């Protein structure tokens, strides 16, 4: 269970350069998801 407070949540998008990662970034932005810290990670 994740508790979201007024400061938001820490989010990591794995595979950020792939198709799913690009869609996740767009969805988080469009839906104004409460993000405290956002990290993008790509596979090597």
PDB file of N, CA and C in Angstrom:
ATOM      1  N   UNK A   1       0.846  -1.182   0.000  1.00  0.00           N
ATOM      2  CA  UNK A   1       0.000   0.000   0.000  1.00  0.00           C
ATOM      3  C   UNK A   1       0.889   1.241   0.000  1.00  0.00           C
ATOM      4  N   UNK A   2       0.585   2.174  -0.852  1.00  0.00           N
ATOM      5  CA  UNK A   2       1.348   3.413  -0.950  1.00  0.00           C
ATOM      6  C   UNK A   2       0.514   4.569  -0.417  1.00  0.00           C
ATOM      7  N   UNK A   3       1.096   5.338   0.458  1.00  0.00           N
ATOM      8  CA  UNK A   3       0.408   6.510   1.001  1.00  0.00           C
ATOM      9  C   UNK A   3       0.944   7.742   0.291  1.00  0.00           C
ATOM     10  N   UNK A   4       0.049   8.495  -0.323  1.00  0.00           N
ATOM     11  CA  UNK A   4       0.430   9.714  -1.028  1.00  0.00           C
ATOM     12  C   UNK A   4       0.097  10.902  -0.132  1.00  0.00           C
ATOM     13  N   UNK A   5       1.100  11.681   0.208  1.00  0.00           N
ATOM     14  CA  UNK A   5       0.843  12.874   0.997  1.00  0.00           C
ATOM     15  C   UNK A   5       0.900  14.100   0.098  1.00  0.00           C
ATOM     16  N   UNK A   6       0.816  15.277   0.690  1.00  0.00           N
ATOM     17  CA  UNK A   6       0.795  16.504  -0.104  1.00  0.00           C
ATOM     18  C   UNK A   6       2.098  16.749  -0.854  1.00  0.00           C
ATOM     19  N   UNK A   7       3.160  16.058  -0.475  1.00  0.00           N
ATOM     20  CA  UNK A   7       4.440  16.243  -1.151  1.00  0.00           C
ATOM     21  C   UNK A   7       4.588  15.336  -2.361  1.00  0.00           C
ATOM     22  N   UNK A   8       3.736  14.346  -2.521  1.00  0.00           N
ATOM     23  CA  UNK A   8       3.817  13.439  -3.659  1.00  0.00           C
ATOM     24  C   UNK A   8       4.595  12.180  -3.337  1.00  0.00           C
ATOM     25  N   UNK A   9       4.866  11.405  -4.373  1.00  0.00           N
ATOM     26  CA  UNK A   9       5.562  10.129  -4.218  1.00  0.00           C
ATOM     27  C   UNK A   9       6.830  10.118  -5.064  1.00  0.00           C
ATOM     28  N   UNK A  10       7.754   9.252  -4.698  1.00  0.00           N
ATOM     29  CA  UNK A  10       8.962   9.041  -5.486  1.00  0.00           C
ATOM     30  C   UNK A  10       8.632   8.050  -6.596  1.00  0.00           C
ATOM     31  N   UNK A  11       9.004   8.377  -7.829  1.00  0.00           N
ATOM     32  CA  UNK A  11       8.674   7.536  -8.982  1.00  0.00           C
ATOM     33  C   UNK A  11       9.931   7.271  -9.794  1.00  0.00           C
ATOM     34  N   UNK A  12      10.102   6.018 -10.210  1.00  0.00           N
ATOM     35  CA  UNK A  12      11.180   5.647 -11.125  1.00  0.00           C
ATOM     36  C   UNK A  12      10.543   4.981 -12.333  1.00  0.00           C
ATOM     37  N   UNK A  13      10.886   5.448 -13.523  1.00  0.00           N
ATOM     38  CA  UNK A  13      10.397   4.848 -14.764  1.00  0.00           C
ATOM     39  C   UNK A  13      11.542   4.034 -15.344  1.00  0.00           C
ATOM     40  N   UNK A  14      11.377   2.708 -15.330  1.00  0.00           N
ATOM     41  CA  UNK A  14      12.403   1.808 -15.857  1.00  0.00           C
ATOM     42  C   UNK A  14      12.176   1.597 -17.342  1.00  0.00           C
ATOM     43  N   UNK A  15      13.231   1.576 -18.106  1.00  0.00           N
ATOM     44  CA  UNK A  15      13.095   1.445 -19.554  1.00  0.00           C
ATOM     45  C   UNK A  15      12.522   2.711 -20.167  1.00  0.00           C
ATOM     46  N   UNK A  16      12.953   3.845 -19.662  1.00  0.00           N
ATOM     47  CA  UNK A  16      12.373   5.137 -20.035  1.00  0.00           C
ATOM     48  C   UNK A  16      12.533   5.487 -21.507  1.00  0.00           C
ATOM     49  N   UNK A  17      13.505   4.898 -22.196  1.00  0.00           N
ATOM     50  CA  UNK A  17      13.709   5.226 -23.605  1.00  0.00           C
ATOM     51  C   UNK A  17      12.910   4.328 -24.541  1.00  0.00           C
ATOM     52  N   UNK A  18      12.274   3.300 -23.995  1.00  0.00           N
ATOM     53  CA  UNK A  18      11.460   2.397 -24.814  1.00  0.00           C
ATOM     54  C   UNK A  18      10.039   2.905 -24.972  1.00  0.00           C
ATOM     55  N   UNK A  19       9.219   2.161 -25.692  1.00  0.00           N
ATOM     56  CA  UNK A  19       7.837   2.565 -25.958  1.00  0.00           C
ATOM     57  C   UNK A  19       7.021   2.697 -24.680  1.00  0.00           C
ATOM     58  N   UNK A  20       7.101   1.699 -23.802  1.00  0.00           N
ATOM     59  CA  UNK A  20       6.320   1.747 -22.560  1.00  0.00           C
ATOM     60  C   UNK A  20       6.789   2.903 -21.681  1.00  0.00           C
ATOM     61  N   UNK A  21       8.093   3.114 -21.610  1.00  0.00           N
ATOM     62  CA  UNK A  21       8.621   4.223 -20.822  1.00  0.00           C
ATOM     63  C   UNK A  21       8.139   5.568 -21.324  1.00  0.00           C
ATOM     64  N   UNK A  22       8.106   5.743 -22.637  1.00  0.00           N
ATOM     65  CA  UNK A  22       7.633   7.014 -23.208  1.00  0.00           C
ATOM     66  C   UNK A  22       6.157   7.235 -22.899  1.00  0.00           C
ATOM     67  N   UNK A  23       5.368   6.171 -22.972  1.00  0.00           N
ATOM     68  CA  UNK A  23       3.939   6.290 -22.656  1.00  0.00           C
ATOM     69  C   UNK A  23       3.753   6.608 -21.173  1.00  0.00           C
ATOM     70  N   UNK A  24       4.528   5.953 -20.305  1.00  0.00           N
ATOM     71  CA  UNK A  24       4.427   6.226 -18.865  1.00  0.00           C
ATOM     72  C   UNK A  24       4.742   7.682 -18.560  1.00  0.00           C
ATOM     73  N   UNK A  25       5.788   8.220 -19.172  1.00  0.00           N
ATOM     74  CA  UNK A  25       6.130   9.626 -18.944  1.00  0.00           C
ATOM     75  C   UNK A  25       4.988  10.535 -19.364  1.00  0.00           C
ATOM     76  N   UNK A  26       4.383  10.254 -20.523  1.00  0.00           N
ATOM     77  CA  UNK A  26       3.280  11.081 -21.011  1.00  0.00           C
ATOM     78  C   UNK A  26       2.063  10.976 -20.096  1.00  0.00           C
ATOM     79  N   UNK A  27       1.725   9.766 -19.661  1.00  0.00           N
ATOM     80  CA  UNK A  27       0.557   9.565 -18.797  1.00  0.00           C
ATOM     81  C   UNK A  27       0.743  10.269 -17.453  1.00  0.00           C
ATOM     82  N   UNK A  28       1.924  10.149 -16.857  1.00  0.00           N
ATOM     83  CA  UNK A  28       2.180  10.828 -15.585  1.00  0.00           C
ATOM     84  C   UNK A  28       2.023  12.336 -15.740  1.00  0.00           C
ATOM     85  N   UNK A  29       2.478  12.881 -16.850  1.00  0.00           N
ATOM     86  CA  UNK A  29       2.364  14.315 -17.094  1.00  0.00           C
ATOM     87  C   UNK A  29       0.917  14.729 -17.349  1.00  0.00           C
ATOM     88  N   UNK A  30       0.212  13.990 -18.196  1.00  0.00           N
ATOM     89  CA  UNK A  30      -1.169  14.336 -18.555  1.00  0.00           C
ATOM     90  C   UNK A  30      -2.115  14.271 -17.362  1.00  0.00           C
ATOM     91  N   UNK A  31      -1.897  13.322 -16.474  1.00  0.00           N
ATOM     92  CA  UNK A  31      -2.816  13.120 -15.348  1.00  0.00           C
ATOM     93  C   UNK A  31      -2.396  13.879 -14.101  1.00  0.00           C
ATOM     94  N   UNK A  32      -1.353  14.680 -14.211  1.00  0.00           N
ATOM     95  CA  UNK A  32      -0.883  15.511 -13.099  1.00  0.00           C
ATOM     96  C   UNK A  32      -0.670  14.677 -11.835  1.00  0.00           C
ATOM     97  N   UNK A  33       0.009  13.532 -12.000  1.00  0.00           N
ATOM     98  CA  UNK A  33       0.298  12.626 -10.895  1.00  0.00           C
ATOM     99  C   UNK A  33       1.180  13.341  -9.874  1.00  0.00           C
ATOM    100  N   UNK A  34       0.861  13.223  -8.573  1.00  0.00           N
ATOM    101  CA  UNK A  34       1.627  13.946  -7.544  1.00  0.00           C
ATOM    102  C   UNK A  34       3.016  13.339  -7.333  1.00  0.00           C
ATOM    103  N   UNK A  35       4.008  13.876  -8.011  1.00  0.00           N
ATOM    104  CA  UNK A  35       5.362  13.327  -7.975  1.00  0.00           C
ATOM    105  C   UNK A  35       6.273  14.218  -7.140  1.00  0.00           C
ATOM    106  N   UNK A  36       6.946  13.591  -6.184  1.00  0.00           N
ATOM    107  CA  UNK A  36       7.935  14.293  -5.363  1.00  0.00           C
ATOM    108  C   UNK A  36       9.297  14.243  -6.044  1.00  0.00           C
ATOM    109  N   UNK A  37       9.676  13.072  -6.527  1.00  0.00           N
ATOM    110  CA  UNK A  37      10.968  12.882  -7.182  1.00  0.00           C
ATOM    111  C   UNK A  37      10.762  11.924  -8.346  1.00  0.00           C
ATOM    112  N   UNK A  38      11.259  12.270  -9.525  1.00  0.00           N
ATOM    113  CA  UNK A  38      11.068  11.452 -10.724  1.00  0.00           C
ATOM    114  C   UNK A  38      12.425  11.093 -11.305  1.00  0.00           C
ATOM    115  N   UNK A  39      12.646   9.800 -11.500  1.00  0.00           N
ATOM    116  CA  UNK A  39      13.908   9.306 -12.068  1.00  0.00           C
ATOM    117  C   UNK A  39      13.601   8.476 -13.305  1.00  0.00           C
ATOM    118  N   UNK A  40      14.388   8.674 -14.353  1.00  0.00           N
ATOM    119  CA  UNK A  40      14.268   7.880 -15.574  1.00  0.00           C
ATOM    120  C   UNK A  40      15.479   6.969 -15.675  1.00  0.00           C
ATOM    121  N   UNK A  41      15.238   5.689 -15.922  1.00  0.00           N
ATOM    122  CA  UNK A  41      16.325   4.717 -16.013  1.00  0.00           C
ATOM    123  C   UNK A  41      16.184   3.918 -17.297  1.00  0.00           C
ATOM    124  N   UNK A  42      17.288   3.768 -18.002  1.00  0.00           N
ATOM    125  CA  UNK A  42      17.295   2.997 -19.244  1.00  0.00           C
ATOM    126  C   UNK A  42      18.131   1.737 -19.043  1.00  0.00           C
ATOM    127  N   UNK A  43      17.810   0.714 -19.804  1.00  0.00           N
ATOM    128  CA  UNK A  43      18.610  -0.509 -19.720  1.00  0.00           C
ATOM    129  C   UNK A  43      19.912  -0.306 -20.486  1.00  0.00           C
ATOM    130  N   UNK A  44      20.927  -0.987 -20.054  1.00  0.00           N
ATOM    131  CA  UNK A  44      22.254  -0.799 -20.661  1.00  0.00           C
ATOM    132  C   UNK A  44      22.408  -1.618 -21.917  1.00  0.00           C
TER     133      UNK A  44
END
